[in-house]
């Protein structure tokens, strides 16, 4: 899930590269360097999300979650592996050396977490982080003129939308099982929505190659928070929930609306 802080170090290796098989469009040496660096950073973030979903699978088992949620989380984990491979391949497309992830050190999370910890993590990393990420990727997909990057983003945007929906679905299920989670979940949403968004002015603005500038990414995050996440959270928390099997709940996408 988005928001996982611990990333692996870079390693010189080629086994994490997906097959793209297309020529690189014309760009300057400095642009190639910036793009390679940006895609390596993105790849390490996607790789870290593999660990986040692995943890989420264990969390679901600990909570006695229904099989539908476990299957969806396992699919999401596999999709994050694919995302990392695609991003490492794009980095190699612009850089001179292939890279992949080195060993991922433990992130320092507690080995045992209760329902409050798990639900609040899902709010921050999934309901907020993945929802913002899905929108950002969709906008980058539409901005790029590179057909290879557009194809990669089309795949990632669809998957991230599904991952965001899974987080919302899980939180709704958890609230149905444990109504006392409502206050901590509300606080987690409030904290995430109130946290400052600082533009990364060092991020390259290479929209035609699929890499949005820091100020644009910050503007997207603000819009998604205000127009999608805040009203969706209000709807979720206001709804009267009753304990139910996850198969009886919708897939969570009804809580999300695109940013216009």
C-alpha atoms as a PDB file:
ATOM      1  CA  UNK A   1       0.000   0.000   0.000  1.00  0.00           C
ATOM      2  CA  UNK A   2       1.073   3.541  -0.534  1.00  0.00           C
ATOM      3  CA  UNK A   3       2.749   5.291   2.340  1.00  0.00           C
ATOM      4  CA  UNK A   4       5.048   2.457   3.342  1.00  0.00           C
ATOM      5  CA  UNK A   5       8.178   4.299   4.496  1.00  0.00           C
ATOM      6  CA  UNK A   6      10.889   1.614   4.386  1.00  0.00           C
ATOM      7  CA  UNK A   7      12.427   1.017   0.958  1.00  0.00           C
ATOM      8  CA  UNK A   8      15.144  -1.363  -0.155  1.00  0.00           C
ATOM      9  CA  UNK A   9      18.524  -0.137  -1.390  1.00  0.00           C
ATOM     10  CA  UNK A  10      19.226  -0.183  -5.105  1.00  0.00           C
ATOM     11  CA  UNK A  11      21.189  -3.130  -6.461  1.00  0.00           C
ATOM     12  CA  UNK A  12      22.758  -3.746  -9.869  1.00  0.00           C
ATOM     13  CA  UNK A  13      20.639  -6.589 -11.229  1.00  0.00           C
ATOM     14  CA  UNK A  14      18.511  -7.284 -14.268  1.00  0.00           C
ATOM     15  CA  UNK A  15      16.050  -9.886 -13.017  1.00  0.00           C
ATOM     16  CA  UNK A  16      13.554  -7.244 -11.860  1.00  0.00           C
ATOM     17  CA  UNK A  17      13.102  -5.747 -15.336  1.00  0.00           C
ATOM     18  CA  UNK A  18       9.820  -6.305 -17.152  1.00  0.00           C
ATOM     19  CA  UNK A  19      10.023  -6.657 -20.919  1.00  0.00           C
ATOM     20  CA  UNK A  20       9.079  -3.404 -22.621  1.00  0.00           C
ATOM     21  CA  UNK A  21      10.858  -3.800 -25.959  1.00  0.00           C
ATOM     22  CA  UNK A  22      10.541  -0.294 -27.357  1.00  0.00           C
ATOM     23  CA  UNK A  23      12.969   2.455 -28.320  1.00  0.00           C
ATOM     24  CA  UNK A  24      13.441   5.440 -26.056  1.00  0.00           C
ATOM     25  CA  UNK A  25      11.969   8.691 -27.416  1.00  0.00           C
ATOM     26  CA  UNK A  26      14.358  11.537 -28.008  1.00  0.00           C
ATOM     27  CA  UNK A  27      15.403  13.487 -24.917  1.00  0.00           C
ATOM     28  CA  UNK A  28      18.522  15.169 -23.624  1.00  0.00           C
ATOM     29  CA  UNK A  29      21.156  13.502 -21.465  1.00  0.00           C
ATOM     30  CA  UNK A  30      20.041  15.491 -18.420  1.00  0.00           C
ATOM     31  CA  UNK A  31      16.407  14.501 -19.013  1.00  0.00           C
ATOM     32  CA  UNK A  32      17.395  10.851 -19.358  1.00  0.00           C
ATOM     33  CA  UNK A  33      19.288  11.020 -16.066  1.00  0.00           C
ATOM     34  CA  UNK A  34      16.352  12.690 -14.308  1.00  0.00           C
ATOM     35  CA  UNK A  35      13.885  10.176 -15.721  1.00  0.00           C
ATOM     36  CA  UNK A  36      16.032   7.184 -14.788  1.00  0.00           C
ATOM     37  CA  UNK A  37      16.402   8.511 -11.243  1.00  0.00           C
ATOM     38  CA  UNK A  38      12.674   9.247 -10.956  1.00  0.00           C
ATOM     39  CA  UNK A  39      11.656   5.814 -12.207  1.00  0.00           C
ATOM     40  CA  UNK A  40      14.103   4.089  -9.843  1.00  0.00           C
ATOM     41  CA  UNK A  41      12.545   5.976  -6.937  1.00  0.00           C
ATOM     42  CA  UNK A  42       9.065   4.975  -8.116  1.00  0.00           C
ATOM     43  CA  UNK A  43      10.172   1.356  -8.497  1.00  0.00           C
ATOM     44  CA  UNK A  44      11.505   1.200  -4.940  1.00  0.00           C
ATOM     45  CA  UNK A  45       8.210   2.630  -3.706  1.00  0.00           C
ATOM     46  CA  UNK A  46       6.256  -0.044  -5.570  1.00  0.00           C
ATOM     47  CA  UNK A  47       8.604  -2.706  -4.170  1.00  0.00           C
ATOM     48  CA  UNK A  48       7.978  -1.393  -0.644  1.00  0.00           C
ATOM     49  CA  UNK A  49       4.260  -1.751  -1.300  1.00  0.00           C
ATOM     50  CA  UNK A  50       4.811  -5.488  -1.790  1.00  0.00           C
ATOM     51  CA  UNK A  51       5.949  -5.650   1.831  1.00  0.00           C
ATOM     52  CA  UNK A  52       3.010  -3.491   2.932  1.00  0.00           C
ATOM     53  CA  UNK A  53       0.518  -5.861   1.310  1.00  0.00           C
ATOM     54  CA  UNK A  54       2.332  -8.890   2.730  1.00  0.00           C
ATOM     55  CA  UNK A  55       1.855  -7.333   6.171  1.00  0.00           C
ATOM     56  CA  UNK A  56      -1.792  -6.586   5.329  1.00  0.00           C
ATOM     57  CA  UNK A  57      -2.414 -10.251   4.438  1.00  0.00           C
ATOM     58  CA  UNK A  58      -1.103 -11.264   7.869  1.00  0.00           C
ATOM     59  CA  UNK A  59      -3.243  -8.547   9.471  1.00  0.00           C
ATOM     60  CA  UNK A  60      -6.334  -9.897   7.745  1.00  0.00           C
ATOM     61  CA  UNK A  61      -5.561 -13.400   8.969  1.00  0.00           C
ATOM     62  CA  UNK A  62      -5.096 -12.074  12.502  1.00  0.00           C
ATOM     63  CA  UNK A  63      -8.504 -10.396  12.365  1.00  0.00           C
ATOM     64  CA  UNK A  64     -10.283 -13.444  10.975  1.00  0.00           C
ATOM     65  CA  UNK A  65     -11.195 -11.618   7.775  1.00  0.00           C
ATOM     66  CA  UNK A  66     -13.350 -13.350   5.163  1.00  0.00           C
ATOM     67  CA  UNK A  67     -11.654 -15.105   2.223  1.00  0.00           C
ATOM     68  CA  UNK A  68     -12.701 -12.480  -0.315  1.00  0.00           C
ATOM     69  CA  UNK A  69     -10.559  -9.844   1.397  1.00  0.00           C
ATOM     70  CA  UNK A  70      -7.596 -12.210   1.685  1.00  0.00           C
ATOM     71  CA  UNK A  71      -7.753 -13.138  -1.987  1.00  0.00           C
ATOM     72  CA  UNK A  72      -7.988  -9.483  -3.023  1.00  0.00           C
ATOM     73  CA  UNK A  73      -4.990  -8.575  -0.843  1.00  0.00           C
ATOM     74  CA  UNK A  74      -2.916 -11.400  -2.310  1.00  0.00           C
ATOM     75  CA  UNK A  75      -3.788 -10.283  -5.836  1.00  0.00           C
ATOM     76  CA  UNK A  76      -2.760  -6.733  -4.899  1.00  0.00           C
ATOM     77  CA  UNK A  77       0.589  -7.987  -3.597  1.00  0.00           C
ATOM     78  CA  UNK A  78       1.302  -9.727  -6.909  1.00  0.00           C
ATOM     79  CA  UNK A  79       0.275  -6.613  -8.820  1.00  0.00           C
ATOM     80  CA  UNK A  80       2.736  -4.492  -6.826  1.00  0.00           C
ATOM     81  CA  UNK A  81       5.527  -6.882  -7.876  1.00  0.00           C
ATOM     82  CA  UNK A  82       4.528  -6.237 -11.487  1.00  0.00           C
ATOM     83  CA  UNK A  83       4.444  -2.476 -10.902  1.00  0.00           C
ATOM     84  CA  UNK A  84       7.964  -2.560  -9.468  1.00  0.00           C
ATOM     85  CA  UNK A  85       9.247  -4.564 -12.435  1.00  0.00           C
ATOM     86  CA  UNK A  86       7.646  -2.151 -14.902  1.00  0.00           C
ATOM     87  CA  UNK A  87       9.146   0.879 -13.149  1.00  0.00           C
ATOM     88  CA  UNK A  88      12.605  -0.692 -12.938  1.00  0.00           C
ATOM     89  CA  UNK A  89      12.336  -1.459 -16.664  1.00  0.00           C
ATOM     90  CA  UNK A  90      11.446   2.156 -17.426  1.00  0.00           C
ATOM     91  CA  UNK A  91      14.419   3.302 -15.321  1.00  0.00           C
ATOM     92  CA  UNK A  92      16.711   1.040 -17.326  1.00  0.00           C
ATOM     93  CA  UNK A  93      15.171   2.377 -20.524  1.00  0.00           C
ATOM     94  CA  UNK A  94      16.583   5.806 -19.723  1.00  0.00           C
ATOM     95  CA  UNK A  95      19.635   4.821 -17.644  1.00  0.00           C
ATOM     96  CA  UNK A  96      22.777   2.927 -18.561  1.00  0.00           C
ATOM     97  CA  UNK A  97      22.607   0.206 -15.927  1.00  0.00           C
ATOM     98  CA  UNK A  98      19.794  -2.156 -14.901  1.00  0.00           C
ATOM     99  CA  UNK A  99      18.767  -1.929 -11.271  1.00  0.00           C
ATOM    100  CA  UNK A 100      16.522  -3.825  -8.914  1.00  0.00           C
ATOM    101  CA  UNK A 101      15.875  -3.921  -5.175  1.00  0.00           C
ATOM    102  CA  UNK A 102      18.405  -5.095  -2.649  1.00  0.00           C
ATOM    103  CA  UNK A 103      17.420  -6.814   0.599  1.00  0.00           C
ATOM    104  CA  UNK A 104      14.565  -5.040   2.370  1.00  0.00           C
ATOM    105  CA  UNK A 105      15.318  -4.496   6.038  1.00  0.00           C
ATOM    106  CA  UNK A 106      12.494  -4.863   8.574  1.00  0.00           C
ATOM    107  CA  UNK A 107      10.557  -1.619   8.900  1.00  0.00           C
ATOM    108  CA  UNK A 108      10.312  -1.674  12.673  1.00  0.00           C
ATOM    109  CA  UNK A 109       6.557  -2.355  12.735  1.00  0.00           C
ATOM    110  CA  UNK A 110       5.265  -4.260  15.755  1.00  0.00           C
ATOM    111  CA  UNK A 111       4.942  -7.979  15.114  1.00  0.00           C
ATOM    112  CA  UNK A 112       1.443  -8.003  16.579  1.00  0.00           C
ATOM    113  CA  UNK A 113      -1.102  -5.260  15.853  1.00  0.00           C
ATOM    114  CA  UNK A 114      -4.653  -4.880  17.072  1.00  0.00           C
ATOM    115  CA  UNK A 115      -7.739  -3.939  15.064  1.00  0.00           C
ATOM    116  CA  UNK A 116      -7.237  -0.229  15.760  1.00  0.00           C
ATOM    117  CA  UNK A 117      -3.666  -0.264  14.424  1.00  0.00           C
ATOM    118  CA  UNK A 118      -4.656  -2.243  11.352  1.00  0.00           C
ATOM    119  CA  UNK A 119      -7.709  -0.140  10.501  1.00  0.00           C
ATOM    120  CA  UNK A 120      -5.853   3.158  10.959  1.00  0.00           C
ATOM    121  CA  UNK A 121      -2.972   1.943   8.773  1.00  0.00           C
ATOM    122  CA  UNK A 122      -5.487   0.976   6.091  1.00  0.00           C
ATOM    123  CA  UNK A 123      -6.972   4.480   6.269  1.00  0.00           C
ATOM    124  CA  UNK A 124      -3.619   6.239   5.895  1.00  0.00           C
ATOM    125  CA  UNK A 125      -1.875   3.910   3.445  1.00  0.00           C
ATOM    126  CA  UNK A 126      -4.875   2.666   1.478  1.00  0.00           C
ATOM    127  CA  UNK A 127      -7.910   4.948   1.666  1.00  0.00           C
ATOM    128  CA  UNK A 128      -5.740   8.067   1.455  1.00  0.00           C
ATOM    129  CA  UNK A 129      -2.417   6.982  -0.067  1.00  0.00           C
ATOM    130  CA  UNK A 130      -3.695   4.599  -2.725  1.00  0.00           C
ATOM    131  CA  UNK A 131      -6.583   6.886  -3.694  1.00  0.00           C
ATOM    132  CA  UNK A 132      -4.183   9.782  -4.283  1.00  0.00           C
ATOM    133  CA  UNK A 133      -1.747   7.504  -6.124  1.00  0.00           C
ATOM    134  CA  UNK A 134      -4.429   6.086  -8.427  1.00  0.00           C
ATOM    135  CA  UNK A 135      -5.541   9.572  -9.459  1.00  0.00           C
ATOM    136  CA  UNK A 136      -1.994  10.834  -9.973  1.00  0.00           C
ATOM    137  CA  UNK A 137      -1.107   7.860 -12.178  1.00  0.00           C
ATOM    138  CA  UNK A 138      -4.261   8.306 -14.257  1.00  0.00           C
ATOM    139  CA  UNK A 139      -3.432  11.978 -14.854  1.00  0.00           C
ATOM    140  CA  UNK A 140       0.177  11.115 -15.757  1.00  0.00           C
ATOM    141  CA  UNK A 141      -1.125   8.454 -18.147  1.00  0.00           C
ATOM    142  CA  UNK A 142      -3.220  11.006 -19.997  1.00  0.00           C
ATOM    143  CA  UNK A 143      -0.387  13.567 -20.050  1.00  0.00           C
ATOM    144  CA  UNK A 144       2.333  11.416 -21.597  1.00  0.00           C
ATOM    145  CA  UNK A 145       2.931  11.239 -25.325  1.00  0.00           C
ATOM    146  CA  UNK A 146       5.079   8.103 -24.944  1.00  0.00           C
ATOM    147  CA  UNK A 147       2.994   5.020 -25.865  1.00  0.00           C
ATOM    148  CA  UNK A 148       5.149   2.700 -23.742  1.00  0.00           C
ATOM    149  CA  UNK A 149       4.769   4.847 -20.620  1.00  0.00           C
ATOM    150  CA  UNK A 150       1.067   5.270 -21.344  1.00  0.00           C
ATOM    151  CA  UNK A 151       0.675   1.489 -21.463  1.00  0.00           C
ATOM    152  CA  UNK A 152       2.511   1.046 -18.171  1.00  0.00           C
ATOM    153  CA  UNK A 153       0.437   3.730 -16.484  1.00  0.00           C
ATOM    154  CA  UNK A 154      -2.796   2.292 -17.852  1.00  0.00           C
ATOM    155  CA  UNK A 155      -1.992  -0.971 -16.088  1.00  0.00           C
ATOM    156  CA  UNK A 156      -0.867   0.668 -12.845  1.00  0.00           C
ATOM    157  CA  UNK A 157      -3.775   3.129 -12.688  1.00  0.00           C
ATOM    158  CA  UNK A 158      -6.341   0.338 -12.984  1.00  0.00           C
ATOM    159  CA  UNK A 159      -4.612  -1.734 -10.306  1.00  0.00           C
ATOM    160  CA  UNK A 160      -4.179   1.194  -7.904  1.00  0.00           C
ATOM    161  CA  UNK A 161      -7.863   2.062  -8.207  1.00  0.00           C
ATOM    162  CA  UNK A 162      -8.648  -1.510  -7.191  1.00  0.00           C
ATOM    163  CA  UNK A 163      -6.166  -1.354  -4.284  1.00  0.00           C
ATOM    164  CA  UNK A 164      -7.761   1.850  -3.020  1.00  0.00           C
ATOM    165  CA  UNK A 165     -11.196   0.247  -3.245  1.00  0.00           C
ATOM    166  CA  UNK A 166      -9.910  -2.741  -1.261  1.00  0.00           C
ATOM    167  CA  UNK A 167      -8.791  -0.452   1.560  1.00  0.00           C
ATOM    168  CA  UNK A 168     -12.176   1.274   1.722  1.00  0.00           C
ATOM    169  CA  UNK A 169     -13.907  -2.107   1.618  1.00  0.00           C
ATOM    170  CA  UNK A 170     -11.750  -3.445   4.451  1.00  0.00           C
ATOM    171  CA  UNK A 171     -12.349  -0.403   6.656  1.00  0.00           C
ATOM    172  CA  UNK A 172     -16.098  -0.680   6.103  1.00  0.00           C
ATOM    173  CA  UNK A 173     -15.957  -4.379   7.035  1.00  0.00           C
ATOM    174  CA  UNK A 174     -13.874  -3.628  10.140  1.00  0.00           C
ATOM    175  CA  UNK A 175     -16.330  -0.958  11.279  1.00  0.00           C
ATOM    176  CA  UNK A 176     -19.158  -3.452  10.889  1.00  0.00           C
ATOM    177  CA  UNK A 177     -17.310  -5.973  13.068  1.00  0.00           C
ATOM    178  CA  UNK A 178     -16.055  -3.522  15.696  1.00  0.00           C
ATOM    179  CA  UNK A 179     -18.196  -0.359  15.951  1.00  0.00           C
ATOM    180  CA  UNK A 180     -15.789   0.968  18.596  1.00  0.00           C
ATOM    181  CA  UNK A 181     -13.283   1.516  15.755  1.00  0.00           C
ATOM    182  CA  UNK A 182     -15.337   4.433  14.489  1.00  0.00           C
ATOM    183  CA  UNK A 183     -13.624   7.118  16.603  1.00  0.00           C
ATOM    184  CA  UNK A 184     -10.014   6.019  15.923  1.00  0.00           C
ATOM    185  CA  UNK A 185     -10.792   5.633  12.219  1.00  0.00           C
ATOM    186  CA  UNK A 186     -12.332   9.111  12.165  1.00  0.00           C
ATOM    187  CA  UNK A 187      -9.204  10.492  13.855  1.00  0.00           C
ATOM    188  CA  UNK A 188      -6.965   8.711  11.330  1.00  0.00           C
ATOM    189  CA  UNK A 189      -8.873  10.290   8.448  1.00  0.00           C
ATOM    190  CA  UNK A 190      -8.757  13.715  10.115  1.00  0.00           C
ATOM    191  CA  UNK A 191      -5.010  13.465  10.713  1.00  0.00           C
ATOM    192  CA  UNK A 192      -4.269  12.288   7.174  1.00  0.00           C
ATOM    193  CA  UNK A 193      -6.446  14.963   5.588  1.00  0.00           C
ATOM    194  CA  UNK A 194      -4.944  17.721   7.736  1.00  0.00           C
ATOM    195  CA  UNK A 195      -1.305  16.791   7.206  1.00  0.00           C
ATOM    196  CA  UNK A 196       0.580  19.380   5.132  1.00  0.00           C
ATOM    197  CA  UNK A 197       1.314  18.755   1.472  1.00  0.00           C
ATOM    198  CA  UNK A 198       4.741  20.138   0.629  1.00  0.00           C
ATOM    199  CA  UNK A 199       5.521  20.369  -3.106  1.00  0.00           C
ATOM    200  CA  UNK A 200       8.689  18.528  -4.091  1.00  0.00           C
ATOM    201  CA  UNK A 201      10.258  21.286  -6.149  1.00  0.00           C
ATOM    202  CA  UNK A 202      13.133  18.975  -7.015  1.00  0.00           C
ATOM    203  CA  UNK A 203      10.888  16.594  -8.933  1.00  0.00           C
ATOM    204  CA  UNK A 204      11.403  16.936 -12.704  1.00  0.00           C
ATOM    205  CA  UNK A 205       8.489  18.321 -14.698  1.00  0.00           C
ATOM    206  CA  UNK A 206       8.597  15.957 -17.680  1.00  0.00           C
ATOM    207  CA  UNK A 207       4.893  15.413 -18.311  1.00  0.00           C
ATOM    208  CA  UNK A 208       5.399  14.161 -21.859  1.00  0.00           C
ATOM    209  CA  UNK A 209       7.446  11.308 -20.385  1.00  0.00           C
ATOM    210  CA  UNK A 210       4.944  10.605 -17.626  1.00  0.00           C
ATOM    211  CA  UNK A 211       6.712  12.310 -14.713  1.00  0.00           C
ATOM    212  CA  UNK A 212       4.689  15.121 -13.212  1.00  0.00           C
ATOM    213  CA  UNK A 213       6.375  18.046 -11.457  1.00  0.00           C
ATOM    214  CA  UNK A 214       6.270  18.420  -7.698  1.00  0.00           C
ATOM    215  CA  UNK A 215       3.817  21.319  -7.662  1.00  0.00           C
ATOM    216  CA  UNK A 216       1.371  19.520  -9.936  1.00  0.00           C
ATOM    217  CA  UNK A 217       1.550  16.389  -7.791  1.00  0.00           C
ATOM    218  CA  UNK A 218       0.850  18.477  -4.680  1.00  0.00           C
ATOM    219  CA  UNK A 219      -2.142  20.106  -6.390  1.00  0.00           C
ATOM    220  CA  UNK A 220      -3.499  16.680  -7.352  1.00  0.00           C
ATOM    221  CA  UNK A 221      -3.128  15.428  -3.780  1.00  0.00           C
ATOM    222  CA  UNK A 222      -5.013  18.453  -2.423  1.00  0.00           C
ATOM    223  CA  UNK A 223      -7.816  18.026  -4.954  1.00  0.00           C
ATOM    224  CA  UNK A 224      -8.192  14.301  -4.262  1.00  0.00           C
ATOM    225  CA  UNK A 225      -8.294  14.920  -0.519  1.00  0.00           C
ATOM    226  CA  UNK A 226     -10.937  17.636  -0.823  1.00  0.00           C
ATOM    227  CA  UNK A 227     -13.095  16.234  -3.631  1.00  0.00           C
ATOM    228  CA  UNK A 228     -12.851  12.461  -3.109  1.00  0.00           C
ATOM    229  CA  UNK A 229     -11.426  11.300   0.198  1.00  0.00           C
ATOM    230  CA  UNK A 230     -13.079  13.768   2.592  1.00  0.00           C
ATOM    231  CA  UNK A 231     -16.643  13.218   1.310  1.00  0.00           C
ATOM    232  CA  UNK A 232     -16.070   9.463   0.983  1.00  0.00           C
ATOM    233  CA  UNK A 233     -14.822   9.299   4.576  1.00  0.00           C
ATOM    234  CA  UNK A 234     -17.821  11.286   5.784  1.00  0.00           C
ATOM    235  CA  UNK A 235     -20.144   8.915   3.961  1.00  0.00           C
ATOM    236  CA  UNK A 236     -18.379   5.865   5.360  1.00  0.00           C
ATOM    237  CA  UNK A 237     -18.423   7.111   8.939  1.00  0.00           C
ATOM    238  CA  UNK A 238     -22.005   8.340   8.767  1.00  0.00           C
ATOM    239  CA  UNK A 239     -23.372   5.093   7.407  1.00  0.00           C
ATOM    240  CA  UNK A 240     -25.057   2.748   9.861  1.00  0.00           C
ATOM    241  CA  UNK A 241     -23.000  -0.448   9.644  1.00  0.00           C
ATOM    242  CA  UNK A 242     -23.964  -3.916  10.706  1.00  0.00           C
ATOM    243  CA  UNK A 243     -21.741  -6.978  10.925  1.00  0.00           C
ATOM    244  CA  UNK A 244     -21.836  -8.698   7.560  1.00  0.00           C
ATOM    245  CA  UNK A 245     -19.859 -11.016   5.391  1.00  0.00           C
ATOM    246  CA  UNK A 246     -17.503  -9.160   3.055  1.00  0.00           C
ATOM    247  CA  UNK A 247     -19.165 -10.818   0.088  1.00  0.00           C
ATOM    248  CA  UNK A 248     -22.335  -8.907   0.930  1.00  0.00           C
ATOM    249  CA  UNK A 249     -20.531  -5.561   0.761  1.00  0.00           C
ATOM    250  CA  UNK A 250     -19.813  -3.718  -2.451  1.00  0.00           C
ATOM    251  CA  UNK A 251     -16.245  -3.656  -3.703  1.00  0.00           C
ATOM    252  CA  UNK A 252     -15.731  -0.132  -2.336  1.00  0.00           C
ATOM    253  CA  UNK A 253     -15.612   1.657  -5.669  1.00  0.00           C
ATOM    254  CA  UNK A 254     -18.974   3.286  -5.006  1.00  0.00           C
ATOM    255  CA  UNK A 255     -17.198   5.387  -2.363  1.00  0.00           C
ATOM    256  CA  UNK A 256     -14.787   6.849  -4.903  1.00  0.00           C
ATOM    257  CA  UNK A 257     -15.403   9.461  -7.558  1.00  0.00           C
ATOM    258  CA  UNK A 258     -12.875  10.765 -10.087  1.00  0.00           C
ATOM    259  CA  UNK A 259     -11.310  14.188  -9.709  1.00  0.00           C
ATOM    260  CA  UNK A 260     -12.432  16.383 -12.573  1.00  0.00           C
END
